[in-house]
Amino acid sequence: MGKHAIGVAVSDAIRERDFAALVRQFDADPYRTRRVLKQLACAPDDPDHGYVVAAFRVLSSERSAKMPEFFLETMRRSLWEMNEEGGNVAWSAPEIVAAVVAGAPDRFGSFASYLVMAALGEPTFRPSLRAAVRLLDEVDSSLLREHREDLENAGVLLPSEDSRKAALPFGAAR
């Protein structure tokens, strides 16, 4: 399948909320699937953005046991993109890392701390960090335990906020 066909297949799977088709596409070509998903994630105001982020969670949940290095690379690249100074801002990188962690928290939970440390001091990432924190808090509030006070002080997580009510259900749109 060519690059364009893969892009269409991934985009269609997101638009149709067909995560089973997305997993099949991933199985056929994980690297191109990730590339397309990351491109789609660059539009945080797109109505499908929540589903794009949820796709990373689904893929991590479904395939990280067989391909842990692939998902480690996905998180490492996202963290690197958050620190890149060339002007290319990966607005949704915090959500992508959080989604991979949320898909396999026992395997990738330690990356939650890296995510918070990379994004907390950058106002550019606040909307994505807020969504990432809500997702992680929903999955396992202990993932954020050491950073909870800093997140509250920065206004990313409100002290009285019940993130389990505020977070999106698995795979839901914003």
Protein backbone atom coordinates (compact mmCIF):
# COMPACT_ATOMS: atom_id res chain seq x y z
CA MET A 1 0.00 0.00 0.00
CA GLY A 2 1.41 3.40 -0.98
CA LYS A 3 1.89 6.37 1.32
CA HIS A 4 -1.24 8.11 0.12
CA ALA A 5 -3.38 4.99 0.52
CA ILE A 6 -2.10 4.50 4.06
CA GLY A 7 -2.91 8.10 4.91
CA VAL A 8 -6.43 7.68 3.55
CA ALA A 9 -6.93 4.37 5.39
CA VAL A 10 -5.78 5.80 8.72
CA SER A 11 -7.79 9.01 8.27
CA ASP A 12 -10.88 7.00 7.35
CA ALA A 13 -10.47 4.75 10.38
CA ILE A 14 -10.28 7.81 12.64
CA ARG A 15 -13.23 9.57 10.99
CA GLU A 16 -15.32 6.37 11.18
CA ARG A 17 -14.20 5.62 14.79
CA ASP A 18 -13.09 2.21 13.55
CA PHE A 19 -10.24 1.28 15.87
CA ALA A 20 -10.26 -2.34 14.63
CA ALA A 21 -9.44 -1.08 11.12
CA LEU A 22 -6.77 1.15 12.58
CA VAL A 23 -5.15 -1.80 14.36
CA ARG A 24 -5.19 -3.77 11.10
CA GLN A 25 -3.57 -0.83 9.33
CA PHE A 26 -0.98 -0.62 12.10
CA ASP A 27 -0.23 -4.33 11.73
CA ALA A 28 0.36 -3.80 8.01
CA ASP A 29 2.66 -0.77 8.44
CA PRO A 30 3.20 0.53 11.98
CA TYR A 31 5.69 3.27 11.04
CA ARG A 32 3.55 4.91 8.39
CA THR A 33 0.47 4.55 10.58
CA ARG A 34 2.27 6.38 13.39
CA ARG A 35 3.45 9.07 10.99
CA VAL A 36 -0.08 9.73 9.75
CA LEU A 37 -1.50 9.74 13.29
CA LYS A 38 1.14 12.21 14.43
CA GLN A 39 0.30 14.46 11.48
CA LEU A 40 -3.40 14.26 12.32
CA ALA A 41 -2.61 15.09 15.96
CA CYS A 42 -1.12 18.43 14.89
CA ALA A 43 -4.61 19.92 14.61
CA PRO A 44 -5.79 20.18 18.22
CA ASP A 45 -8.97 22.03 17.19
CA ASP A 46 -10.03 19.31 14.76
CA PRO A 47 -13.22 17.56 15.89
CA ASP A 48 -11.45 14.19 15.47
CA HIS A 49 -8.47 15.16 17.64
CA GLY A 50 -9.70 13.20 20.66
CA TYR A 51 -10.02 10.10 18.52
CA VAL A 52 -6.52 10.55 17.12
CA VAL A 53 -5.14 10.65 20.66
CA ALA A 54 -7.34 7.70 21.64
CA ALA A 55 -5.86 5.80 18.68
CA PHE A 56 -2.42 5.94 20.31
CA ARG A 57 -3.95 4.53 23.48
CA VAL A 58 -5.70 1.73 21.60
CA LEU A 59 -2.54 0.82 19.69
CA SER A 60 -0.45 0.86 22.86
CA SER A 61 -2.99 -1.31 24.63
CA GLU A 62 -3.28 -3.75 21.74
CA ARG A 63 0.31 -3.96 20.47
CA SER A 64 2.85 -2.74 23.04
CA ALA A 65 3.41 -6.23 24.47
CA LYS A 66 4.63 -7.38 21.05
CA MET A 67 6.36 -4.13 20.08
CA PRO A 68 7.51 -2.34 23.26
CA GLU A 69 10.43 -0.63 21.50
CA PHE A 70 8.11 0.89 18.92
CA PHE A 71 6.04 2.57 21.64
CA LEU A 72 9.12 3.60 23.61
CA GLU A 73 10.35 5.27 20.44
CA THR A 74 6.98 6.98 19.99
CA MET A 75 7.22 8.47 23.48
CA ARG A 76 10.90 9.38 23.14
CA ARG A 77 10.24 11.16 19.85
CA SER A 78 7.32 13.06 21.34
CA LEU A 79 9.38 14.12 24.34
CA TRP A 80 12.20 15.19 22.02
CA GLU A 81 9.75 17.17 19.87
CA MET A 82 8.60 19.04 22.97
CA ASN A 83 12.18 20.23 23.49
CA GLU A 84 12.96 20.93 19.84
CA GLU A 85 13.93 24.57 19.34
CA GLY A 86 13.69 24.78 15.56
CA GLY A 87 10.18 26.18 15.52
CA ASN A 88 8.31 22.97 14.83
CA VAL A 89 6.04 22.72 17.85
CA ALA A 90 4.45 19.36 18.55
CA TRP A 91 1.34 20.80 20.20
CA SER A 92 -0.16 17.42 21.00
CA ALA A 93 2.99 15.62 22.12
CA PRO A 94 1.94 15.53 25.81
CA GLU A 95 -1.35 13.87 24.87
CA ILE A 96 0.40 11.34 22.64
CA VAL A 97 2.80 10.31 25.42
CA ALA A 98 -0.07 10.13 27.91
CA ALA A 99 -2.11 8.00 25.52
CA VAL A 100 0.72 5.50 25.09
CA VAL A 101 1.18 5.38 28.87
CA ALA A 102 -2.58 5.01 29.41
CA GLY A 103 -2.69 2.11 26.99
CA ALA A 104 -0.12 0.15 28.99
CA PRO A 105 0.43 1.85 32.37
CA ASP A 106 2.23 -1.11 33.91
CA ARG A 107 4.74 -1.07 31.09
CA PHE A 108 5.12 2.67 30.47
CA GLY A 109 3.95 4.39 33.67
CA SER A 110 7.40 5.75 34.49
CA PHE A 111 7.17 8.00 31.42
CA ALA A 112 4.42 10.06 33.08
CA SER A 113 7.06 11.86 35.10
CA TYR A 114 9.14 12.68 32.02
CA LEU A 115 6.03 14.00 30.32
CA VAL A 116 5.16 16.34 33.17
CA MET A 117 8.73 17.59 33.51
CA ALA A 118 9.05 18.27 29.77
CA ALA A 119 5.73 20.09 29.40
CA LEU A 120 5.06 21.81 32.71
CA GLY A 121 7.32 24.81 32.18
CA GLU A 122 6.13 25.47 28.63
CA PRO A 123 2.87 27.44 28.34
CA THR A 124 2.60 26.30 24.71
CA PHE A 125 1.81 22.80 25.92
CA ARG A 126 -0.73 23.72 28.63
CA PRO A 127 -3.89 22.64 26.76
CA SER A 128 -2.33 19.33 25.73
CA LEU A 129 -0.75 18.82 29.15
CA ARG A 130 -4.11 19.46 30.82
CA ALA A 131 -5.72 16.77 28.64
CA ALA A 132 -2.76 14.43 29.24
CA VAL A 133 -2.96 14.88 33.01
CA ARG A 134 -6.68 14.19 33.02
CA LEU A 135 -6.15 11.00 31.03
CA LEU A 136 -3.34 9.78 33.26
CA ASP A 137 -5.24 10.65 36.43
CA GLU A 138 -8.24 8.73 35.10
CA VAL A 139 -6.13 5.64 34.38
CA ASP A 140 -4.05 5.63 37.56
CA SER A 141 -3.80 8.69 39.80
CA SER A 142 -0.56 7.37 41.30
CA LEU A 143 1.18 8.12 37.98
CA LEU A 144 1.02 11.82 38.88
CA ARG A 145 1.54 11.57 42.63
CA GLU A 146 4.99 13.16 42.73
CA HIS A 147 3.92 16.06 40.48
CA ARG A 148 0.41 16.73 41.76
CA GLU A 149 1.35 19.84 43.75
CA ASP A 150 3.31 21.34 40.84
CA LEU A 151 0.44 20.59 38.47
CA GLU A 152 -2.03 22.23 40.84
CA ASN A 153 0.22 25.27 41.34
CA ALA A 154 0.53 25.69 37.58
CA GLY A 155 -3.26 25.49 37.17
CA VAL A 156 -3.02 22.35 35.07
CA LEU A 157 -4.84 20.24 37.64
CA LEU A 158 -7.24 21.88 40.04
CA PRO A 159 -6.98 20.67 43.64
CA SER A 160 -10.69 19.91 43.81
CA GLU A 161 -10.92 18.53 40.30
CA ASP A 162 -12.22 15.02 40.03
CA SER A 163 -10.35 14.05 36.90
CA ARG A 164 -12.27 10.83 36.56
CA LYS A 165 -15.39 12.90 35.79
CA ALA A 166 -13.57 15.47 33.67
CA ALA A 167 -11.59 13.04 31.52
CA LEU A 168 -12.88 11.71 28.26
CA PRO A 169 -14.08 8.14 28.19
CA PHE A 170 -11.74 5.76 26.38
CA GLY A 171 -11.96 6.59 22.70
CA ALA A 172 -14.41 9.47 23.06
CA ALA A 173 -14.25 12.80 21.25
CA ARG A 174 -13.61 16.07 23.00
